[in-house]
mmCIF file of all heavy atoms, coordinates in Angstrom:
data_MODEL
# 
_entry.id   MODEL 
# 
loop_
_atom_site.group_PDB 
_atom_site.id 
_atom_site.type_symbol 
_atom_site.label_atom_id 
_atom_site.label_alt_id 
_atom_site.label_comp_id 
_atom_site.label_asym_id 
_atom_site.label_entity_id 
_atom_site.label_seq_id 
_atom_site.pdbx_PDB_ins_code 
_atom_site.Cartn_x 
_atom_site.Cartn_y 
_atom_site.Cartn_z 
_atom_site.occupancy 
_atom_site.B_iso_or_equiv 
_atom_site.pdbx_formal_charge 
_atom_site.auth_seq_id 
_atom_site.auth_comp_id 
_atom_site.auth_asym_id 
_atom_site.auth_atom_id 
_atom_site.pdbx_PDB_model_num 
ATOM 1   N N   . PHE A 1 1  ? -79.094 166.694 103.491 1.00 0.00 ? 1  PHE A N   1 
ATOM 2   C CA  . PHE A 1 1  ? -79.005 166.013 102.201 1.00 0.00 ? 1  PHE A CA  1 
ATOM 3   C C   . PHE A 1 1  ? -80.409 165.553 101.773 1.00 0.00 ? 1  PHE A C   1 
ATOM 4   O O   . PHE A 1 1  ? -81.196 165.116 102.612 1.00 0.00 ? 1  PHE A O   1 
ATOM 5   C CB  . PHE A 1 1  ? -78.086 164.796 102.289 1.00 0.00 ? 1  PHE A CB  1 
ATOM 6   C CG  . PHE A 1 1  ? -76.617 165.121 102.421 1.00 0.00 ? 1  PHE A CG  1 
ATOM 7   C CD1 . PHE A 1 1  ? -76.178 166.381 102.789 1.00 0.00 ? 1  PHE A CD1 1 
ATOM 8   C CD2 . PHE A 1 1  ? -75.672 164.138 102.176 1.00 0.00 ? 1  PHE A CD2 1 
ATOM 9   C CE1 . PHE A 1 1  ? -74.825 166.673 102.909 1.00 0.00 ? 1  PHE A CE1 1 
ATOM 10  C CE2 . PHE A 1 1  ? -74.318 164.401 102.288 1.00 0.00 ? 1  PHE A CE2 1 
ATOM 11  C CZ  . PHE A 1 1  ? -73.901 165.661 102.651 1.00 0.00 ? 1  PHE A CZ  1 
ATOM 12  N N   . THR A 1 2  ? -80.654 165.622 100.478 1.00 0.00 ? 2  THR A N   1 
ATOM 13  C CA  . THR A 1 2  ? -81.931 165.171 99.935  1.00 0.00 ? 2  THR A CA  1 
ATOM 14  C C   . THR A 1 2  ? -81.691 164.347 98.683  1.00 0.00 ? 2  THR A C   1 
ATOM 15  O O   . THR A 1 2  ? -81.020 164.812 97.758  1.00 0.00 ? 2  THR A O   1 
ATOM 16  C CB  . THR A 1 2  ? -82.841 166.359 99.590  1.00 0.00 ? 2  THR A CB  1 
ATOM 17  O OG1 . THR A 1 2  ? -83.041 167.168 100.764 1.00 0.00 ? 2  THR A OG1 1 
ATOM 18  C CG2 . THR A 1 2  ? -84.191 165.868 99.097  1.00 0.00 ? 2  THR A CG2 1 
ATOM 19  N N   . ILE A 1 3  ? -82.246 163.146 98.657  1.00 0.00 ? 3  ILE A N   1 
ATOM 20  C CA  . ILE A 1 3  ? -82.150 162.290 97.464  1.00 0.00 ? 3  ILE A CA  1 
ATOM 21  C C   . ILE A 1 3  ? -83.452 162.389 96.695  1.00 0.00 ? 3  ILE A C   1 
ATOM 22  O O   . ILE A 1 3  ? -84.543 162.481 97.289  1.00 0.00 ? 3  ILE A O   1 
ATOM 23  C CB  . ILE A 1 3  ? -81.830 160.827 97.854  1.00 0.00 ? 3  ILE A CB  1 
ATOM 24  C CG1 . ILE A 1 3  ? -81.519 160.003 96.606  1.00 0.00 ? 3  ILE A CG1 1 
ATOM 25  C CG2 . ILE A 1 3  ? -82.959 160.216 98.664  1.00 0.00 ? 3  ILE A CG2 1 
ATOM 26  C CD1 . ILE A 1 3  ? -80.967 158.603 96.932  1.00 0.00 ? 3  ILE A CD1 1 
ATOM 27  N N   . SER A 1 4  ? -83.342 162.384 95.378  1.00 0.00 ? 4  SER A N   1 
ATOM 28  C CA  . SER A 1 4  ? -84.534 162.430 94.540  1.00 0.00 ? 4  SER A CA  1 
ATOM 29  C C   . SER A 1 4  ? -84.238 161.696 93.240  1.00 0.00 ? 4  SER A C   1 
ATOM 30  O O   . SER A 1 4  ? -83.076 161.373 92.948  1.00 0.00 ? 4  SER A O   1 
ATOM 31  C CB  . SER A 1 4  ? -84.956 163.875 94.252  1.00 0.00 ? 4  SER A CB  1 
ATOM 32  O OG  . SER A 1 4  ? -83.928 164.563 93.551  1.00 0.00 ? 4  SER A OG  1 
ATOM 33  N N   . ARG A 1 5  ? -85.281 161.435 92.481  1.00 0.00 ? 5  ARG A N   1 
ATOM 34  C CA  . ARG A 1 5  ? -85.089 160.704 91.233  1.00 0.00 ? 5  ARG A CA  1 
ATOM 35  C C   . ARG A 1 5  ? -85.979 161.292 90.156  1.00 0.00 ? 5  ARG A C   1 
ATOM 36  O O   . ARG A 1 5  ? -87.064 161.812 90.438  1.00 0.00 ? 5  ARG A O   1 
ATOM 37  C CB  . ARG A 1 5  ? -85.404 159.222 91.431  1.00 0.00 ? 5  ARG A CB  1 
ATOM 38  C CG  . ARG A 1 5  ? -86.822 158.946 91.883  1.00 0.00 ? 5  ARG A CG  1 
ATOM 39  C CD  . ARG A 1 5  ? -86.967 157.510 92.387  1.00 0.00 ? 5  ARG A CD  1 
ATOM 40  N NE  . ARG A 1 5  ? -86.805 156.546 91.306  1.00 0.00 ? 5  ARG A NE  1 
ATOM 41  C CZ  . ARG A 1 5  ? -86.516 155.265 91.504  1.00 0.00 ? 5  ARG A CZ  1 
ATOM 42  N NH1 . ARG A 1 5  ? -86.338 154.802 92.715  1.00 0.00 ? 5  ARG A NH1 1 
ATOM 43  N NH2 . ARG A 1 5  ? -86.409 154.449 90.480  1.00 0.00 ? 5  ARG A NH2 1 
ATOM 44  N N   . ASP A 1 6  ? -85.514 161.198 88.934  1.00 0.00 ? 6  ASP A N   1 
ATOM 45  C CA  . ASP A 1 6  ? -86.289 161.604 87.758  1.00 0.00 ? 6  ASP A CA  1 
ATOM 46  C C   . ASP A 1 6  ? -86.316 160.393 86.836  1.00 0.00 ? 6  ASP A C   1 
ATOM 47  O O   . ASP A 1 6  ? -85.354 160.131 86.112  1.00 0.00 ? 6  ASP A O   1 
ATOM 48  C CB  . ASP A 1 6  ? -85.641 162.811 87.086  1.00 0.00 ? 6  ASP A CB  1 
ATOM 49  C CG  . ASP A 1 6  ? -86.469 163.354 85.937  1.00 0.00 ? 6  ASP A CG  1 
ATOM 50  O OD1 . ASP A 1 6  ? -87.250 162.581 85.333  1.00 0.00 ? 6  ASP A OD1 1 
ATOM 51  O OD2 . ASP A 1 6  ? -86.328 164.547 85.623  1.00 0.00 ? 6  ASP A OD2 1 
ATOM 52  N N   . ASN A 1 7  ? -87.413 159.668 86.867  1.00 0.00 ? 7  ASN A N   1 
ATOM 53  C CA  . ASN A 1 7  ? -87.492 158.440 86.070  1.00 0.00 ? 7  ASN A CA  1 
ATOM 54  C C   . ASN A 1 7  ? -87.402 158.721 84.575  1.00 0.00 ? 7  ASN A C   1 
ATOM 55  O O   . ASN A 1 7  ? -86.862 157.911 83.822  1.00 0.00 ? 7  ASN A O   1 
ATOM 56  C CB  . ASN A 1 7  ? -88.781 157.697 86.393  1.00 0.00 ? 7  ASN A CB  1 
ATOM 57  C CG  . ASN A 1 7  ? -88.763 157.078 87.779  1.00 0.00 ? 7  ASN A CG  1 
ATOM 58  O OD1 . ASN A 1 7  ? -87.723 156.971 88.418  1.00 0.00 ? 7  ASN A OD1 1 
ATOM 59  N ND2 . ASN A 1 7  ? -89.938 156.668 88.243  1.00 0.00 ? 7  ASN A ND2 1 
ATOM 60  N N   . ALA A 1 8  ? -87.916 159.851 84.156  1.00 0.00 ? 8  ALA A N   1 
ATOM 61  C CA  . ALA A 1 8  ? -87.887 160.175 82.729  1.00 0.00 ? 8  ALA A CA  1 
ATOM 62  C C   . ALA A 1 8  ? -86.459 160.364 82.229  1.00 0.00 ? 8  ALA A C   1 
ATOM 63  O O   . ALA A 1 8  ? -86.151 160.077 81.066  1.00 0.00 ? 8  ALA A O   1 
ATOM 64  C CB  . ALA A 1 8  ? -88.711 161.429 82.466  1.00 0.00 ? 8  ALA A CB  1 
ATOM 65  N N   . LYS A 1 9  ? -85.581 160.835 83.119  1.00 0.00 ? 9  LYS A N   1 
ATOM 66  C CA  . LYS A 1 9  ? -84.187 161.056 82.748  1.00 0.00 ? 9  LYS A CA  1 
ATOM 67  C C   . LYS A 1 9  ? -83.273 159.929 83.230  1.00 0.00 ? 9  LYS A C   1 
ATOM 68  O O   . LYS A 1 9  ? -82.067 159.982 83.008  1.00 0.00 ? 9  LYS A O   1 
ATOM 69  C CB  . LYS A 1 9  ? -83.699 162.389 83.327  1.00 0.00 ? 9  LYS A CB  1 
ATOM 70  C CG  . LYS A 1 9  ? -84.409 163.602 82.749  1.00 0.00 ? 9  LYS A CG  1 
ATOM 71  C CD  . LYS A 1 9  ? -83.830 164.900 83.322  1.00 0.00 ? 9  LYS A CD  1 
ATOM 72  C CE  . LYS A 1 9  ? -84.509 166.112 82.714  1.00 0.00 ? 9  LYS A CE  1 
ATOM 73  N NZ  . LYS A 1 9  ? -83.965 167.387 83.245  1.00 0.00 ? 9  LYS A NZ  1 
ATOM 74  N N   . ASN A 1 10 ? -83.868 158.944 83.880  1.00 0.00 ? 10 ASN A N   1 
ATOM 75  C CA  . ASN A 1 10 ? -83.076 157.833 84.436  1.00 0.00 ? 10 ASN A CA  1 
ATOM 76  C C   . ASN A 1 10 ? -81.919 158.353 85.284  1.00 0.00 ? 10 ASN A C   1 
ATOM 77  O O   . ASN A 1 10 ? -80.771 157.886 85.173  1.00 0.00 ? 10 ASN A O   1 
ATOM 78  C CB  . ASN A 1 10 ? -82.554 156.925 83.321  1.00 0.00 ? 10 ASN A CB  1 
ATOM 79  C CG  . ASN A 1 10 ? -83.675 156.163 82.655  1.00 0.00 ? 10 ASN A CG  1 
ATOM 80  O OD1 . ASN A 1 10 ? -84.580 155.650 83.324  1.00 0.00 ? 10 ASN A OD1 1 
ATOM 81  N ND2 . ASN A 1 10 ? -83.647 156.100 81.338  1.00 0.00 ? 10 ASN A ND2 1 
ATOM 82  N N   . THR A 1 11 ? -82.236 159.304 86.118  1.00 0.00 ? 11 THR A N   1 
ATOM 83  C CA  . THR A 1 11 ? -81.216 159.980 86.904  1.00 0.00 ? 11 THR A CA  1 
ATOM 84  C C   . THR A 1 11 ? -81.662 160.116 88.358  1.00 0.00 ? 11 THR A C   1 
ATOM 85  O O   . THR A 1 11 ? -82.834 160.409 88.617  1.00 0.00 ? 11 THR A O   1 
ATOM 86  C CB  . THR A 1 11 ? -80.911 161.375 86.321  1.00 0.00 ? 11 THR A CB  1 
ATOM 87  O OG1 . THR A 1 11 ? -80.444 161.223 84.980  1.00 0.00 ? 11 THR A OG1 1 
ATOM 88  C CG2 . THR A 1 11 ? -79.836 162.076 87.135  1.00 0.00 ? 11 THR A CG2 1 
ATOM 89  N N   . VAL A 1 12 ? -80.722 159.910 89.248  1.00 0.00 ? 12 VAL A N   1 
ATOM 90  C CA  . VAL A 1 12 ? -80.930 160.131 90.673  1.00 0.00 ? 12 VAL A CA  1 
ATOM 91  C C   . VAL A 1 12 ? -80.025 161.271 91.111  1.00 0.00 ? 12 VAL A C   1 
ATOM 92  O O   . VAL A 1 12 ? -78.892 161.381 90.646  1.00 0.00 ? 12 VAL A O   1 
ATOM 93  C CB  . VAL A 1 12 ? -80.626 158.859 91.486  1.00 0.00 ? 12 VAL A CB  1 
ATOM 94  C CG1 . VAL A 1 12 ? -80.646 159.139 92.969  1.00 0.00 ? 12 VAL A CG1 1 
ATOM 95  C CG2 . VAL A 1 12 ? -81.626 157.771 91.153  1.00 0.00 ? 12 VAL A CG2 1 
ATOM 96  N N   . TYR A 1 13 ? -80.542 162.079 92.006  1.00 0.00 ? 13 TYR A N   1 
ATOM 97  C CA  . TYR A 1 13 ? -79.808 163.255 92.455  1.00 0.00 ? 13 TYR A CA  1 
ATOM 98  C C   . TYR A 1 13 ? -79.562 163.200 93.963  1.00 0.00 ? 13 TYR A C   1 
ATOM 99  O O   . TYR A 1 13 ? -80.310 162.584 94.705  1.00 0.00 ? 13 TYR A O   1 
ATOM 100 C CB  . TYR A 1 13 ? -80.601 164.533 92.139  1.00 0.00 ? 13 TYR A CB  1 
ATOM 101 C CG  . TYR A 1 13 ? -80.958 164.688 90.685  1.00 0.00 ? 13 TYR A CG  1 
ATOM 102 C CD1 . TYR A 1 13 ? -82.209 164.301 90.209  1.00 0.00 ? 13 TYR A CD1 1 
ATOM 103 C CD2 . TYR A 1 13 ? -80.030 165.209 89.777  1.00 0.00 ? 13 TYR A CD2 1 
ATOM 104 C CE1 . TYR A 1 13 ? -82.541 164.447 88.877  1.00 0.00 ? 13 TYR A CE1 1 
ATOM 105 C CE2 . TYR A 1 13 ? -80.354 165.360 88.439  1.00 0.00 ? 13 TYR A CE2 1 
ATOM 106 C CZ  . TYR A 1 13 ? -81.608 164.964 87.996  1.00 0.00 ? 13 TYR A CZ  1 
ATOM 107 O OH  . TYR A 1 13 ? -81.930 165.106 86.666  1.00 0.00 ? 13 TYR A OH  1 
ATOM 108 N N   . LEU A 1 14 ? -78.523 163.892 94.364  1.00 0.00 ? 14 LEU A N   1 
ATOM 109 C CA  . LEU A 1 14 ? -78.272 164.089 95.787  1.00 0.00 ? 14 LEU A CA  1 
ATOM 110 C C   . LEU A 1 14 ? -77.983 165.568 95.996  1.00 0.00 ? 14 LEU A C   1 
ATOM 111 O O   . LEU A 1 14 ? -76.940 166.063 95.562  1.00 0.00 ? 14 LEU A O   1 
ATOM 112 C CB  . LEU A 1 14 ? -77.087 163.246 96.279  1.00 0.00 ? 14 LEU A CB  1 
ATOM 113 C CG  . LEU A 1 14 ? -76.816 163.354 97.782  1.00 0.00 ? 14 LEU A CG  1 
ATOM 114 C CD1 . LEU A 1 14 ? -77.957 162.694 98.567  1.00 0.00 ? 14 LEU A CD1 1 
ATOM 115 C CD2 . LEU A 1 14 ? -75.484 162.697 98.137  1.00 0.00 ? 14 LEU A CD2 1 
ATOM 116 N N   . GLN A 1 15 ? -78.920 166.250 96.607  1.00 0.00 ? 15 GLN A N   1 
ATOM 117 C CA  . GLN A 1 15 ? -78.729 167.653 96.943  1.00 0.00 ? 15 GLN A CA  1 
ATOM 118 C C   . GLN A 1 15 ? -78.082 167.734 98.319  1.00 0.00 ? 15 GLN A C   1 
ATOM 119 O O   . GLN A 1 15 ? -78.616 167.191 99.289  1.00 0.00 ? 15 GLN A O   1 
ATOM 120 C CB  . GLN A 1 15 ? -80.066 168.390 96.953  1.00 0.00 ? 15 GLN A CB  1 
ATOM 121 C CG  . GLN A 1 15 ? -79.973 169.854 97.349  1.00 0.00 ? 15 GLN A CG  1 
ATOM 122 C CD  . GLN A 1 15 ? -79.224 170.687 96.325  1.00 0.00 ? 15 GLN A CD  1 
ATOM 123 O OE1 . GLN A 1 15 ? -79.405 170.526 95.128  1.00 0.00 ? 15 GLN A OE1 1 
ATOM 124 N NE2 . GLN A 1 15 ? -78.366 171.591 96.797  1.00 0.00 ? 15 GLN A NE2 1 
ATOM 125 N N   . MET A 1 16 ? -76.946 168.409 98.382  1.00 0.00 ? 16 MET A N   1 
ATOM 126 C CA  . MET A 1 16 ? -76.185 168.496 99.634  1.00 0.00 ? 16 MET A CA  1 
ATOM 127 C C   . MET A 1 16 ? -76.052 169.965 100.017 1.00 0.00 ? 16 MET A C   1 
ATOM 128 O O   . MET A 1 16 ? -75.521 170.771 99.257  1.00 0.00 ? 16 MET A O   1 
ATOM 129 C CB  . MET A 1 16 ? -74.802 167.868 99.448  1.00 0.00 ? 16 MET A CB  1 
ATOM 130 C CG  . MET A 1 16 ? -74.846 166.444 98.938  1.00 0.00 ? 16 MET A CG  1 
ATOM 131 S SD  . MET A 1 16 ? -73.210 165.660 98.864  1.00 0.00 ? 16 MET A SD  1 
ATOM 132 C CE  . MET A 1 16 ? -72.420 166.653 97.610  1.00 0.00 ? 16 MET A CE  1 
ATOM 133 N N   . ASN A 1 17 ? -76.573 170.299 101.183 1.00 0.00 ? 17 ASN A N   1 
ATOM 134 C CA  . ASN A 1 17 ? -76.543 171.675 101.665 1.00 0.00 ? 17 ASN A CA  1 
ATOM 135 C C   . ASN A 1 17 ? -75.721 171.785 102.940 1.00 0.00 ? 17 ASN A C   1 
ATOM 136 O O   . ASN A 1 17 ? -75.495 170.799 103.648 1.00 0.00 ? 17 ASN A O   1 
ATOM 137 C CB  . ASN A 1 17 ? -77.964 172.167 101.925 1.00 0.00 ? 17 ASN A CB  1 
ATOM 138 C CG  . ASN A 1 17 ? -78.817 172.190 100.678 1.00 0.00 ? 17 ASN A CG  1 
ATOM 139 O OD1 . ASN A 1 17 ? -78.325 172.433 99.575  1.00 0.00 ? 17 ASN A OD1 1 
ATOM 140 N ND2 . ASN A 1 17 ? -80.102 171.919 100.832 1.00 0.00 ? 17 ASN A ND2 1 
ATOM 141 N N   . ASN A 1 18 ? -75.299 173.014 103.216 1.00 0.00 ? 18 ASN A N   1 
ATOM 142 C CA  . ASN A 1 18 ? -74.545 173.307 104.438 1.00 0.00 ? 18 ASN A CA  1 
ATOM 143 C C   . ASN A 1 18 ? -73.396 172.309 104.625 1.00 0.00 ? 18 ASN A C   1 
ATOM 144 O O   . ASN A 1 18 ? -73.244 171.714 105.699 1.00 0.00 ? 18 ASN A O   1 
ATOM 145 C CB  . ASN A 1 18 ? -75.474 173.293 105.646 1.00 0.00 ? 18 ASN A CB  1 
ATOM 146 C CG  . ASN A 1 18 ? -74.826 173.905 106.873 1.00 0.00 ? 18 ASN A CG  1 
ATOM 147 O OD1 . ASN A 1 18 ? -73.894 174.692 106.767 1.00 0.00 ? 18 ASN A OD1 1 
ATOM 148 N ND2 . ASN A 1 18 ? -75.327 173.522 108.037 1.00 0.00 ? 18 ASN A ND2 1 
ATOM 149 N N   . LEU A 1 19 ? -72.624 172.152 103.584 1.00 0.00 ? 19 LEU A N   1 
ATOM 150 C CA  . LEU A 1 19 ? -71.529 171.186 103.619 1.00 0.00 ? 19 LEU A CA  1 
ATOM 151 C C   . LEU A 1 19 ? -70.437 171.606 104.592 1.00 0.00 ? 19 LEU A C   1 
ATOM 152 O O   . LEU A 1 19 ? -70.192 172.810 104.788 1.00 0.00 ? 19 LEU A O   1 
ATOM 153 C CB  . LEU A 1 19 ? -70.954 171.016 102.216 1.00 0.00 ? 19 LEU A CB  1 
ATOM 154 C CG  . LEU A 1 19 ? -71.857 170.242 101.251 1.00 0.00 ? 19 LEU A CG  1 
ATOM 155 C CD1 . LEU A 1 19 ? -71.455 170.506 99.804  1.00 0.00 ? 19 LEU A CD1 1 
ATOM 156 C CD2 . LEU A 1 19 ? -71.803 168.758 101.557 1.00 0.00 ? 19 LEU A CD2 1 
ATOM 157 N N   . ASN A 1 20 ? -69.802 170.620 105.184 1.00 0.00 ? 20 ASN A N   1 
ATOM 158 C CA  . ASN A 1 20 ? -68.681 170.871 106.087 1.00 0.00 ? 20 ASN A CA  1 
ATOM 159 C C   . ASN A 1 20 ? -67.519 169.955 105.711 1.00 0.00 ? 20 ASN A C   1 
ATOM 160 O O   . ASN A 1 20 ? -67.697 168.997 104.944 1.00 0.00 ? 20 ASN A O   1 
ATOM 161 C CB  . ASN A 1 20 ? -69.111 170.688 107.540 1.00 0.00 ? 20 ASN A CB  1 
ATOM 162 C CG  . ASN A 1 20 ? -69.635 169.304 107.816 1.00 0.00 ? 20 ASN A CG  1 
ATOM 163 O OD1 . ASN A 1 20 ? -68.882 168.331 107.720 1.00 0.00 ? 20 ASN A OD1 1 
ATOM 164 N ND2 . ASN A 1 20 ? -70.911 169.193 108.156 1.00 0.00 ? 20 ASN A ND2 1 
ATOM 165 N N   . PRO A 1 21 ? -66.328 170.229 106.219 1.00 0.00 ? 21 PRO A N   1 
ATOM 166 C CA  . PRO A 1 21 ? -65.166 169.434 105.807 1.00 0.00 ? 21 PRO A CA  1 
ATOM 167 C C   . PRO A 1 21 ? -65.320 167.932 106.046 1.00 0.00 ? 21 PRO A C   1 
ATOM 168 O O   . PRO A 1 21 ? -64.702 167.137 105.323 1.00 0.00 ? 21 PRO A O   1 
ATOM 169 C CB  . PRO A 1 21 ? -64.043 170.025 106.669 1.00 0.00 ? 21 PRO A CB  1 
ATOM 170 C CG  . PRO A 1 21 ? -64.445 171.447 106.883 1.00 0.00 ? 21 PRO A CG  1 
ATOM 171 C CD  . PRO A 1 21 ? -65.936 171.403 107.028 1.00 0.00 ? 21 PRO A CD  1 
ATOM 172 N N   . GLU A 1 22 ? -66.140 167.547 107.020 1.00 0.00 ? 22 GLU A N   1 
ATOM 173 C CA  . GLU A 1 22 ? -66.358 166.126 107.285 1.00 0.00 ? 22 GLU A CA  1 
ATOM 174 C C   . GLU A 1 22 ? -67.135 165.437 106.169 1.00 0.00 ? 22 GLU A C   1 
ATOM 175 O O   . GLU A 1 22 ? -67.222 164.201 106.129 1.00 0.00 ? 22 GLU A O   1 
ATOM 176 C CB  . GLU A 1 22 ? -67.086 165.926 108.613 1.00 0.00 ? 22 GLU A CB  1 
ATOM 177 C CG  . GLU A 1 22 ? -66.253 166.251 109.870 1.00 0.00 ? 22 GLU A CG  1 
ATOM 178 C CD  . GLU A 1 22 ? -65.967 167.732 110.007 1.00 0.00 ? 22 GLU A CD  1 
ATOM 179 O OE1 . GLU A 1 22 ? -66.867 168.558 109.710 1.00 0.00 ? 22 GLU A OE1 1 
ATOM 180 O OE2 . GLU A 1 22 ? -64.825 168.070 110.407 1.00 0.00 ? 22 GLU A OE2 1 
ATOM 181 N N   . ASP A 1 23 ? -67.710 166.202 105.280 1.00 0.00 ? 23 ASP A N   1 
ATOM 182 C CA  . ASP A 1 23 ? -68.432 165.638 104.134 1.00 0.00 ? 23 ASP A CA  1 
ATOM 183 C C   . ASP A 1 23 ? -67.489 165.321 102.974 1.00 0.00 ? 23 ASP A C   1 
ATOM 184 O O   . ASP A 1 23 ? -67.922 164.766 101.951 1.00 0.00 ? 23 ASP A O   1 
ATOM 185 C CB  . ASP A 1 23 ? -69.509 166.598 103.653 1.00 0.00 ? 23 ASP A CB  1 
ATOM 186 C CG  . ASP A 1 23 ? -70.589 166.821 104.702 1.00 0.00 ? 23 ASP A CG  1 
ATOM 187 O OD1 . ASP A 1 23 ? -71.022 165.840 105.318 1.00 0.00 ? 23 ASP A OD1 1 
ATOM 188 O OD2 . ASP A 1 23 ? -70.990 167.987 104.894 1.00 0.00 ? 23 ASP A OD2 1 
ATOM 189 N N   . THR A 1 24 ? -66.235 165.667 103.105 1.00 0.00 ? 24 THR A N   1 
ATOM 190 C CA  . THR A 1 24 ? -65.254 165.375 102.059 1.00 0.00 ? 24 THR A CA  1 
ATOM 191 C C   . THR A 1 24 ? -65.104 163.873 101.888 1.00 0.00 ? 24 THR A C   1 
ATOM 192 O O   . THR A 1 24 ? -64.834 163.152 102.843 1.00 0.00 ? 24 THR A O   1 
ATOM 193 C CB  . THR A 1 24 ? -63.889 166.000 102.408 1.00 0.00 ? 24 THR A CB  1 
ATOM 194 O OG1 . THR A 1 24 ? -64.011 167.421 102.426 1.00 0.00 ? 24 THR A OG1 1 
ATOM 195 C CG2 . THR A 1 24 ? -62.833 165.595 101.396 1.00 0.00 ? 24 THR A CG2 1 
ATOM 196 N N   . ALA A 1 25 ? -65.309 163.413 100.660 1.00 0.00 ? 25 ALA A N   1 
ATOM 197 C CA  . ALA A 1 25 ? -65.270 161.976 100.375 1.00 0.00 ? 25 ALA A CA  1 
ATOM 198 C C   . ALA A 1 25 ? -65.475 161.767 98.877  1.00 0.00 ? 25 ALA A C   1 
ATOM 199 O O   . ALA A 1 25 ? -65.830 162.702 98.150  1.00 0.00 ? 25 ALA A O   1 
ATOM 200 C CB  . ALA A 1 25 ? -66.353 161.239 101.155 1.00 0.00 ? 25 ALA A CB  1 
# 
């Protein structure tokens, strides 16, 4: 997982890779 932010867009992102069923939430 990688968190990032774009201040110009007032947005925060969470990139989630190689997801597995335990990530269900």
